[in-house]
Protein backbone atom coordinates (compact mmCIF):
# COMPACT_ATOMS: atom_id res chain seq x y z
CA MET A 1 45.75 -19.90 22.07
CA PRO A 2 42.94 -22.42 23.06
CA GLU A 3 42.71 -23.47 27.15
CA ALA A 4 43.66 -26.40 28.32
CA VAL A 5 41.09 -29.01 28.73
CA THR A 6 40.36 -29.38 32.18
CA ALA A 7 39.34 -32.73 34.28
CA PRO A 8 35.48 -32.91 34.68
CA PHE A 9 33.46 -32.12 37.35
CA PRO A 10 32.37 -34.79 39.18
CA GLY A 11 29.01 -35.85 37.48
CA GLU A 12 29.79 -34.21 34.46
CA GLU A 13 30.20 -37.09 32.63
CA SER A 14 26.22 -37.25 32.10
CA ILE A 15 26.22 -34.55 29.55
CA ILE A 16 27.28 -37.33 27.05
CA SER A 17 24.00 -39.11 25.20
CA HIS A 18 24.70 -42.95 24.27
CA SER A 19 21.65 -43.46 22.75
CA TRP A 20 18.90 -41.53 20.72
CA ALA A 21 16.45 -42.26 24.19
CA ASP A 22 19.32 -41.26 26.26
CA GLU A 23 18.97 -38.13 24.62
CA VAL A 24 15.30 -37.96 24.90
CA ARG A 25 15.39 -38.35 28.48
CA ALA A 26 18.51 -35.46 28.88
CA SER A 27 16.68 -33.52 26.49
CA PHE A 28 13.00 -33.75 28.41
CA ARG A 29 14.97 -33.41 31.94
CA LEU A 30 16.31 -30.28 30.66
CA ALA A 31 13.23 -29.34 28.81
CA TRP A 32 10.63 -28.98 31.09
CA PRO A 33 11.43 -26.87 33.66
CA LEU A 34 12.24 -24.27 31.15
CA ILE A 35 8.95 -24.85 29.71
CA ILE A 36 7.06 -24.19 32.52
CA ALA A 37 9.32 -21.13 33.61
CA GLN A 38 8.68 -19.66 29.86
CA LEU A 39 5.07 -19.86 30.70
CA ALA A 40 5.52 -18.36 34.44
CA GLN A 41 7.85 -15.50 32.65
CA ASN A 42 4.73 -15.10 30.00
CA LEU A 43 2.52 -14.74 33.35
CA LEU A 44 4.67 -12.07 34.98
CA PHE A 45 3.84 -9.10 32.20
CA THR A 46 -0.25 -10.88 31.89
CA THR A 47 -0.70 -10.09 35.76
CA ASP A 48 0.33 -6.23 34.77
CA VAL A 49 -2.07 -6.39 32.12
CA VAL A 50 -4.78 -8.13 33.77
CA LEU A 51 -4.95 -5.17 36.36
CA MET A 52 -4.28 -2.33 34.25
CA GLY A 53 -7.79 -3.88 32.72
CA TRP A 54 -9.16 -3.19 36.47
CA LEU A 55 -8.23 0.12 36.42
CA GLY A 56 -10.31 0.98 33.56
CA PRO A 57 -10.22 1.05 29.72
CA LYS A 58 -8.14 4.02 29.57
CA TYR A 59 -5.43 2.66 31.46
CA LEU A 60 -5.29 -0.82 29.69
CA ALA A 61 -4.85 1.37 26.42
CA ALA A 62 -2.04 2.68 27.98
CA GLY A 63 -0.34 -0.08 29.11
CA THR A 64 -0.76 -1.89 25.86
CA LEU A 65 0.54 1.04 24.00
CA ALA A 66 3.36 0.98 26.68
CA SER A 67 3.99 -2.79 26.28
CA ALA A 68 3.95 -2.26 22.31
CA PHE A 69 7.27 -0.11 22.60
CA PHE A 70 8.71 -1.30 25.98
CA MET A 71 8.66 -5.49 24.85
CA PRO A 72 10.95 -4.99 21.66
CA PHE A 73 13.91 -3.50 23.69
CA LEU A 74 12.82 -6.10 26.76
CA LEU A 75 12.91 -9.23 24.32
CA THR A 76 15.88 -7.72 21.89
CA GLY A 77 18.25 -7.23 24.95
CA GLY A 78 17.62 -10.65 26.68
CA ALA A 79 17.96 -12.25 23.06
CA ILE A 80 21.75 -10.74 23.19
CA VAL A 81 22.76 -11.86 26.72
CA GLY A 82 21.26 -14.63 25.81
CA ALA A 83 24.31 -15.62 23.66
CA VAL A 84 25.76 -16.87 26.99
CA ALA A 85 23.84 -20.12 26.85
CA PRO A 86 25.61 -21.73 23.86
CA LEU A 87 29.08 -20.26 24.74
CA VAL A 88 28.84 -21.47 27.96
CA ALA A 89 27.59 -25.11 26.59
CA GLN A 90 29.73 -25.29 24.18
CA ALA A 91 32.75 -24.36 26.68
CA ARG A 92 31.47 -27.00 29.29
CA GLY A 93 31.55 -29.60 26.67
CA GLY A 94 34.83 -28.96 25.30
CA ARG A 95 35.51 -28.69 29.84
CA ARG A 96 37.37 -25.49 29.66
CA ILE A 97 36.40 -24.31 32.85
CA LYS A 98 37.84 -20.46 32.86
CA ASP A 99 36.04 -20.03 29.53
CA VAL A 100 32.47 -20.44 31.55
CA ARG A 101 33.85 -17.80 34.30
CA ARG A 102 35.25 -15.08 31.27
CA TYR A 103 31.47 -15.92 29.14
CA VAL A 104 29.33 -15.42 32.36
CA ARG A 105 31.43 -12.24 33.52
CA GLN A 106 31.32 -10.73 30.24
CA GLY A 107 27.23 -11.42 29.74
CA LEU A 108 26.78 -9.68 32.79
CA TRP A 109 29.19 -6.59 31.03
CA VAL A 110 26.92 -7.01 27.74
CA ALA A 111 23.38 -6.53 30.10
CA ILE A 112 25.12 -3.51 31.84
CA PHE A 113 25.91 -1.95 28.14
CA LEU A 114 22.61 -2.49 26.90
CA ALA A 115 21.23 -1.17 29.61
CA ALA A 116 23.05 1.69 29.47
CA ILE A 117 22.10 1.97 25.74
CA LEU A 118 18.41 1.58 26.06
CA GLN A 119 17.90 2.96 28.91
CA PRO A 120 17.86 6.65 27.70
CA VAL A 121 15.80 6.00 24.57
CA LEU A 122 12.99 4.65 26.57
CA LEU A 123 13.15 7.71 29.12
CA ASN A 124 12.46 9.74 25.99
CA ILE A 125 9.52 7.57 25.06
CA GLY A 126 6.98 10.22 24.90
CA VAL A 127 8.70 12.32 22.13
CA LEU A 128 7.97 9.27 19.85
CA TYR A 129 4.16 8.94 20.62
CA GLY A 130 3.80 12.51 20.11
CA TYR A 131 5.19 11.99 16.52
CA LEU A 132 2.91 9.10 16.50
CA GLY A 133 -0.08 11.43 17.07
CA GLN A 134 -1.52 9.13 19.80
CA ASP A 135 -4.13 10.16 22.34
CA PRO A 136 -2.09 12.67 25.28
CA ASP A 137 -3.62 11.54 27.56
CA ILE A 138 -2.83 7.69 27.01
CA SER A 139 0.54 8.40 26.17
CA ALA A 140 0.98 9.96 29.50
CA LEU A 141 -0.12 7.15 30.87
CA ALA A 142 1.99 4.53 29.04
CA THR A 143 4.88 7.18 29.53
CA SER A 144 4.69 6.83 33.22
CA TYR A 145 4.72 3.41 32.99
CA ILE A 146 7.62 3.21 30.70
CA VAL A 147 9.80 5.37 32.65
CA TRP A 148 9.79 3.35 35.60
CA GLY A 149 10.00 0.20 33.75
CA SER A 150 13.15 1.02 32.16
CA TRP A 151 14.97 0.38 35.32
CA MET A 152 14.13 -3.54 35.11
CA LEU A 153 16.75 -3.41 32.16
CA PHE A 154 19.27 -4.69 33.44
CA PRO A 155 18.08 -6.81 36.24
CA ALA A 156 16.27 -8.46 33.59
CA PHE A 157 19.47 -8.68 31.36
CA GLY A 158 21.55 -10.32 34.25
CA LEU A 159 18.94 -12.17 34.88
CA MET A 160 19.10 -13.72 31.43
CA ALA A 161 22.82 -14.45 31.85
CA MET A 162 22.10 -16.21 35.08
CA ARG A 163 19.66 -18.53 33.71
CA SER A 164 22.13 -19.34 30.43
CA LEU A 165 24.46 -20.57 33.12
CA LEU A 166 22.46 -22.59 34.77
CA ALA A 167 20.97 -23.89 31.80
CA ALA A 168 23.67 -24.98 30.65
CA TYR A 169 24.83 -27.03 33.54
CA ASP A 170 21.25 -29.00 33.12
CA ASN A 171 20.04 -26.86 36.55
CA ALA A 172 16.86 -25.53 35.01
CA ARG A 173 14.87 -26.49 38.18
CA VAL A 174 15.93 -23.54 39.74
CA ILE A 175 15.33 -21.35 36.87
CA LEU A 176 11.32 -22.80 37.23
CA VAL A 177 11.45 -21.94 40.90
CA VAL A 178 12.47 -18.68 40.58
CA THR A 179 9.91 -17.83 38.03
CA VAL A 180 7.54 -19.30 40.20
CA VAL A 181 7.92 -17.43 43.13
CA GLY A 182 8.62 -13.96 41.04
CA VAL A 183 5.27 -14.68 39.33
CA ILE A 184 3.29 -15.02 42.42
CA ALA A 185 5.15 -11.97 44.55
CA ASN A 186 4.59 -9.74 41.36
CA ALA A 187 0.87 -10.69 40.85
CA PHE A 188 0.59 -9.25 45.31
CA LEU A 189 3.32 -6.47 44.90
CA ALA A 190 1.46 -4.72 41.95
CA TYR A 191 -2.21 -5.61 43.48
CA ALA A 192 -0.96 -3.34 46.16
CA LEU A 193 1.21 -0.83 44.31
CA ILE A 194 -1.53 -0.39 41.26
CA PHE A 195 -4.50 -0.30 43.81
CA GLY A 196 -2.97 1.11 47.17
CA HIS A 197 -4.15 -1.72 49.49
CA PHE A 198 -2.24 -2.81 52.26
CA GLY A 199 -0.52 0.54 53.50
CA PHE A 200 0.62 0.65 50.47
CA PRO A 201 0.30 3.85 48.29
CA ARG A 202 -2.32 3.98 44.79
CA LEU A 203 0.75 4.61 41.93
CA GLU A 204 -1.54 3.08 39.11
CA LEU A 205 0.74 2.39 36.05
CA ARG A 206 3.39 3.40 38.17
CA GLY A 207 2.95 0.83 40.54
CA ALA A 208 2.64 -2.24 38.02
CA ALA A 209 6.34 -0.96 36.68
CA ILE A 210 8.00 -0.65 40.25
CA ALA A 211 6.15 -3.76 41.13
CA THR A 212 7.33 -5.90 38.08
CA GLY A 213 10.99 -3.86 38.48
CA ILE A 214 11.75 -4.75 42.25
CA VAL A 215 10.99 -8.55 41.11
CA ASN A 216 13.28 -8.62 38.50
CA VAL A 217 15.98 -7.38 40.73
CA VAL A 218 15.07 -10.03 43.55
CA MET A 219 15.12 -12.79 40.86
CA PHE A 220 18.42 -11.83 39.97
CA LEU A 221 19.92 -11.73 43.16
CA SER A 222 18.32 -14.68 43.86
CA MET A 223 20.00 -16.75 40.59
CA LEU A 224 23.35 -14.96 41.39
CA GLY A 225 23.44 -15.63 45.31
CA TYR A 226 22.68 -19.07 44.34
CA VAL A 227 25.52 -19.34 41.92
CA LEU A 228 27.84 -17.79 43.87
CA LEU A 229 27.46 -19.73 47.12
CA HIS A 230 26.02 -23.41 45.59
CA ARG A 231 28.96 -25.73 45.38
CA ARG A 232 28.78 -26.64 41.90
CA PHE A 233 29.11 -23.43 40.95
CA ARG A 234 31.09 -21.23 43.22
CA ARG A 235 33.89 -22.77 41.82
CA PHE A 236 33.78 -20.45 38.57
CA HIS A 237 34.14 -17.60 40.76
CA ILE A 238 32.37 -15.55 38.11
CA LEU A 239 33.10 -11.77 40.40
CA ILE A 240 36.45 -12.61 40.60
CA ARG A 241 38.11 -9.53 38.88
CA PHE A 242 34.89 -8.09 37.64
CA ALA A 243 36.27 -4.92 36.27
CA LYS A 244 38.89 -6.45 34.32
CA PRO A 245 38.19 -5.96 30.94
CA ASP A 246 37.74 -9.41 28.90
CA TRP A 247 37.27 -7.43 25.09
CA GLU A 248 37.67 -11.38 23.12
CA LYS A 249 34.64 -12.63 25.40
CA PHE A 250 32.37 -9.61 24.76
CA ARG A 251 33.19 -9.52 21.48
CA ALA A 252 31.99 -13.12 21.10
CA ILE A 253 28.75 -12.68 23.02
CA PHE A 254 27.91 -9.54 20.78
CA ALA A 255 28.83 -11.65 17.70
CA ILE A 256 26.45 -14.45 18.55
CA GLY A 257 24.00 -12.46 20.32
CA LEU A 258 23.43 -9.57 18.51
CA PRO A 259 22.07 -11.62 15.24
CA ILE A 260 19.69 -13.48 17.75
CA GLY A 261 18.27 -10.37 19.14
CA ILE A 262 17.58 -8.98 15.53
CA THR A 263 15.75 -12.01 14.52
CA VAL A 264 13.31 -12.03 17.76
CA LEU A 265 12.64 -8.06 16.87
CA ALA A 266 12.25 -9.32 13.45
CA GLU A 267 9.54 -11.59 14.88
CA VAL A 268 8.12 -9.61 17.53
CA GLY A 269 7.68 -7.12 14.20
CA LEU A 270 5.85 -8.96 12.30
CA PHE A 271 3.05 -9.95 15.17
CA SER A 272 3.09 -6.08 15.56
CA VAL A 273 2.01 -5.24 12.20
CA ALA A 274 -0.25 -7.94 11.96
CA ALA A 275 -2.36 -6.50 14.91
CA LEU A 276 -1.81 -3.18 13.02
CA LEU A 277 -3.48 -4.79 9.93
CA MET A 278 -5.96 -6.68 12.10
CA GLY A 279 -6.76 -2.93 13.31
CA ARG A 280 -7.99 -1.64 9.54
CA LEU A 281 -10.14 -4.04 9.86
CA GLY A 282 -12.61 -3.63 13.10
CA ALA A 283 -13.06 -4.09 16.66
CA ASN A 284 -14.08 -7.91 16.01
CA GLU A 285 -11.29 -9.02 13.90
CA VAL A 286 -8.47 -7.59 16.75
CA ALA A 287 -10.41 -8.66 19.55
CA ALA A 288 -10.52 -12.13 17.97
CA HIS A 289 -6.58 -11.74 16.96
CA ALA A 290 -5.99 -11.19 20.32
CA VAL A 291 -7.71 -14.34 21.72
CA ALA A 292 -6.15 -17.04 18.87
CA LEU A 293 -2.61 -14.99 19.15
CA GLN A 294 -2.87 -15.46 22.75
CA LEU A 295 -3.63 -19.69 22.56
CA ALA A 296 -0.79 -20.06 19.85
CA SER A 297 1.78 -18.01 22.23
CA ALA A 298 0.93 -20.35 24.59
CA ALA A 299 1.44 -23.43 22.48
CA PHE A 300 4.55 -21.89 21.50
CA MET A 301 6.14 -21.67 25.07
CA VAL A 302 6.58 -25.54 24.65
CA PRO A 303 8.89 -25.91 21.37
CA LEU A 304 10.78 -22.64 23.05
CA GLY A 305 11.76 -24.38 25.74
CA LEU A 306 12.85 -27.08 23.81
CA GLY A 307 14.78 -25.17 21.85
CA VAL A 308 16.41 -23.67 24.90
CA ALA A 309 17.00 -27.34 25.80
CA ALA A 310 18.69 -27.85 21.95
CA THR A 311 20.92 -25.22 22.34
CA VAL A 312 21.83 -26.30 25.35
CA ARG A 313 22.19 -29.85 24.24
CA VAL A 314 23.74 -29.77 20.88
CA GLY A 315 26.20 -26.73 21.98
CA LEU A 316 27.57 -29.76 24.46
CA ALA A 317 27.94 -31.59 22.09
CA TYR A 318 29.59 -29.56 19.74
CA GLY A 319 32.09 -28.14 22.32
CA ARG A 320 33.37 -31.60 23.19
CA GLY A 321 33.83 -32.05 19.04
CA ASP A 322 30.86 -34.76 18.99
CA ARG A 323 28.90 -34.99 15.65
CA GLU A 324 26.92 -37.67 16.39
CA GLY A 325 26.07 -35.78 19.51
CA VAL A 326 24.89 -32.57 17.52
CA ARG A 327 22.97 -35.07 15.50
CA LYS A 328 20.90 -36.47 17.93
CA ALA A 329 20.17 -33.61 19.96
CA GLY A 330 19.44 -31.10 17.52
CA TRP A 331 16.55 -33.75 15.68
CA THR A 332 15.19 -35.42 18.97
CA ALA A 333 14.37 -31.48 20.10
CA ILE A 334 12.92 -30.83 16.03
CA GLY A 335 11.00 -33.99 16.70
CA MET A 336 9.79 -33.88 20.08
CA GLY A 337 8.87 -29.75 19.16
CA VAL A 338 6.87 -30.61 15.79
CA GLY A 339 5.52 -33.51 17.63
CA PHE A 340 4.17 -31.42 20.64
CA MET A 341 2.66 -29.09 17.82
CA ALA A 342 0.97 -31.63 15.92
CA LEU A 343 -0.95 -32.43 19.13
CA THR A 344 -2.03 -28.26 19.17
CA CYS A 345 -2.77 -28.45 15.55
CA ILE A 346 -5.32 -31.66 16.31
CA ALA A 347 -6.61 -29.23 18.99
CA PHE A 348 -6.90 -26.17 17.20
CA VAL A 349 -8.50 -27.56 13.86
CA THR A 350 -11.47 -29.50 16.63
CA GLN A 351 -11.77 -27.61 19.21
CA SER A 352 -11.32 -23.95 18.02
CA HIS A 353 -15.06 -23.02 18.93
CA THR A 354 -14.56 -24.67 22.53
CA LEU A 355 -11.30 -22.97 23.09
CA VAL A 356 -11.88 -19.63 22.12
CA GLY A 357 -14.88 -19.41 24.68
CA ILE A 358 -12.67 -19.62 27.51
CA PHE A 359 -11.98 -15.95 26.78
CA LEU A 360 -14.95 -14.45 24.89
CA ASP A 361 -19.04 -14.99 26.67
CA ARG A 362 -20.73 -17.38 24.16
CA ASN A 363 -23.87 -16.68 25.82
CA ASP A 364 -23.18 -12.82 25.03
CA PRO A 365 -24.94 -12.56 21.38
CA GLY A 366 -22.48 -9.39 21.02
CA ASN A 367 -19.79 -11.48 20.58
CA ALA A 368 -21.16 -13.78 18.39
CA ALA A 369 -19.33 -12.02 15.67
CA ALA A 370 -16.03 -11.67 17.17
CA LEU A 371 -16.31 -15.74 18.35
CA GLU A 372 -16.47 -16.81 15.00
CA PHE A 373 -13.37 -14.90 13.82
CA ALA A 374 -11.59 -16.08 16.57
CA ALA A 375 -12.50 -19.62 15.88
CA THR A 376 -11.71 -19.71 12.32
CA TYR A 377 -8.03 -17.71 13.17
CA LEU A 378 -7.40 -20.35 15.49
CA VAL A 379 -8.11 -23.14 12.88
CA ILE A 380 -5.23 -21.48 10.86
CA ALA A 381 -3.38 -21.15 13.19
CA GLY A 382 -3.54 -25.07 13.90
CA LEU A 383 -2.43 -25.09 10.35
CA PHE A 384 1.11 -23.48 10.95
CA GLN A 385 1.82 -24.94 14.79
CA LEU A 386 4.26 -27.24 12.39
CA SER A 387 5.95 -24.92 11.18
CA ASP A 388 6.41 -22.76 14.26
CA GLY A 389 7.33 -25.83 16.04
CA ALA A 390 9.93 -26.41 14.17
CA GLN A 391 11.40 -23.00 12.71
CA VAL A 392 11.85 -22.01 16.65
CA VAL A 393 13.87 -25.54 17.83
CA ALA A 394 15.96 -25.74 14.28
CA ALA A 395 17.07 -22.09 15.42
CA HIS A 396 17.43 -22.75 18.72
CA ALA A 397 19.58 -25.83 17.27
CA LEU A 398 22.10 -24.14 15.34
CA ARG A 399 22.70 -21.20 18.28
CA GLY A 400 23.91 -24.85 19.61
CA LEU A 401 26.28 -24.53 16.81
CA SER A 402 27.24 -20.56 16.95
CA ASP A 403 25.20 -20.25 13.58
CA THR A 404 22.66 -17.07 13.94
CA LYS A 405 24.12 -14.49 11.29
CA ILE A 406 22.53 -16.62 7.85
CA PRO A 407 19.51 -17.45 10.81
CA MET A 408 18.64 -13.69 11.13
CA LEU A 409 18.88 -13.32 7.75
CA LEU A 410 16.21 -16.17 6.30
CA ALA A 411 14.41 -15.05 9.45
CA MET A 412 14.39 -11.16 8.00
CA PHE A 413 13.23 -12.69 4.66
CA GLY A 414 10.76 -15.10 5.88
CA TYR A 415 9.30 -12.84 7.95
CA TRP A 416 8.97 -9.57 6.36
CA LEU A 417 9.55 -10.25 2.57
CA VAL A 418 7.21 -13.34 2.19
CA GLY A 419 4.92 -13.51 5.45
CA LEU A 420 4.18 -9.67 5.79
CA PRO A 421 3.63 -9.04 1.55
CA THR A 422 1.59 -12.22 1.93
CA ALA A 423 -0.34 -10.98 4.48
CA TYR A 424 -0.82 -8.15 3.15
CA VAL A 425 -1.92 -9.16 -0.54
CA LEU A 426 -4.24 -12.21 0.86
CA GLY A 427 -6.13 -9.79 3.35
CA PHE A 428 -6.37 -6.34 1.28
CA VAL A 429 -5.98 -7.19 -2.20
CA LEU A 430 -7.92 -10.55 -2.10
CA ASP A 431 -10.52 -9.24 0.52
CA TRP A 432 -9.55 -11.92 2.67
CA ARG A 433 -9.29 -9.87 5.66
CA GLY A 434 -8.08 -11.50 8.70
CA PRO A 435 -8.18 -14.78 6.97
CA GLY A 436 -5.73 -13.61 4.34
CA VAL A 437 -3.36 -11.78 7.02
CA TRP A 438 -3.22 -15.03 9.14
CA LEU A 439 -2.40 -17.01 5.98
CA GLY A 440 0.65 -14.59 5.33
CA LEU A 441 1.91 -15.11 8.95
CA ALA A 442 1.12 -18.98 8.27
CA ALA A 443 3.37 -18.56 4.98
CA GLY A 444 6.22 -16.80 6.61
CA LEU A 445 6.72 -19.32 9.27
CA ALA A 446 6.55 -21.99 6.83
CA PHE A 447 9.05 -20.59 4.86
CA CYS A 448 11.19 -20.01 7.60
CA ALA A 449 10.52 -23.41 9.13
CA THR A 450 11.88 -24.53 5.96
CA LEU A 451 14.99 -23.29 5.25
CA LEU A 452 16.39 -23.62 8.98
CA VAL A 453 15.25 -27.17 9.30
CA THR A 454 17.33 -27.72 6.07
CA ARG A 455 20.31 -25.71 7.42
CA PHE A 456 20.70 -28.15 10.42
CA ALA A 457 20.04 -30.94 8.10
CA LEU A 458 22.79 -29.65 5.90
CA ARG A 459 25.11 -28.66 8.41
CA GLU A 460 28.03 -30.76 7.66
CA ARG A 461 27.96 -30.11 3.96
CA LEU A 462 27.32 -26.27 4.62
CA GLY A 463 30.95 -26.56 7.52
CA LEU A 464 29.06 -25.17 10.42
CA LEU A 465 31.07 -27.90 11.88
CA ARG A 466 34.44 -27.02 10.83
CA SER A 467 35.87 -25.23 13.89
CA MET A 468 34.93 -28.23 16.16
CA THR A 469 38.37 -29.70 18.14
CA ARG A 470 38.14 -33.15 16.82
């Protein structure tokens, strides 16, 4: 039986936007801390990579190999737990206070379950390296990072559950503060443990994993403590009867979150395979690919943050049965995402040589080929900025409607049956090499963007709003 609607908590009336301008302000207010937090979250692992590079090429190679296998586990599990955000937003919109507690509590259950399933796989990753014919010394170093890093799975997943609750209640600034402090703490602790400074033992790659794991634990406990103690959130009593199963909500999180996780895995997998394809072309192409991808990834954080805001804003409107609110929230976020990416498109196309020069020394003749390749790839990246912004925000807007299964299939088709074959044909059959691979990526993103935006536009006809309460 549906839970009775309760009276709103003081200030809850602010969730309703009465005009497009109201929606723009509400979306921006929620999104900007999330955008900065996303950038900071990336820095958490970027710091580790930089410090590994200071150890030497062998350690950097091992760290790169470890990340290639570890990050898909971390991102996929986090995406599954991230289903708490739209579910809590819908419960908030419908003023179902008890459901908020149930979803967050089961989000922590899902975090525990996923960590228990995935950690044994990571602890035995060394066997897989052997089958793949990796260098034994590099594999041993990579395995040492993953074995220690595997212990961060639960706090990282639990952190996502807390972030989902806070974002759904427009409290993204706490997420920002905790994440930024975590990045600074990780830089200090990783430096100390990797190199053995300040009286700490020299642990090298193990030190990087231990530092990041400790920081994730502290970040999780900080957000959990905030939720338990702050007067706005302690009313949810999220740890009350924590051991009591709530299989309905547990299954609901998996029903929405698993397709999200598979979607993330499909996208991460596409870019991983693209890197392998670039590896067949030469060292200069690989270096250029890494530079262009780093710039494109940094730009992507903005529409990603707007996408999370779209999930919350659409979920709130969906939960309260507000069709007009769904329309405004979704199109506002899509418009803001595409608008920002239009600016990065212009920057990438007109300033490509300047931007890649940030990463590669233009005064070194040995970098000339890589610089030229990187500038070319960045121009192509500029051309797919609009598609990339549109597809990520539209996908998140659909998540606010609990629509994740069909978007998952569209993403898998677009990435693997459009993007990857196009990249291979253009890059190797037609011998367009690196530009062909990047044009294939652009084709996959454009395909996904077109279908996902169209799906949101046709949400009424497709019956995505049929279960709204009114």
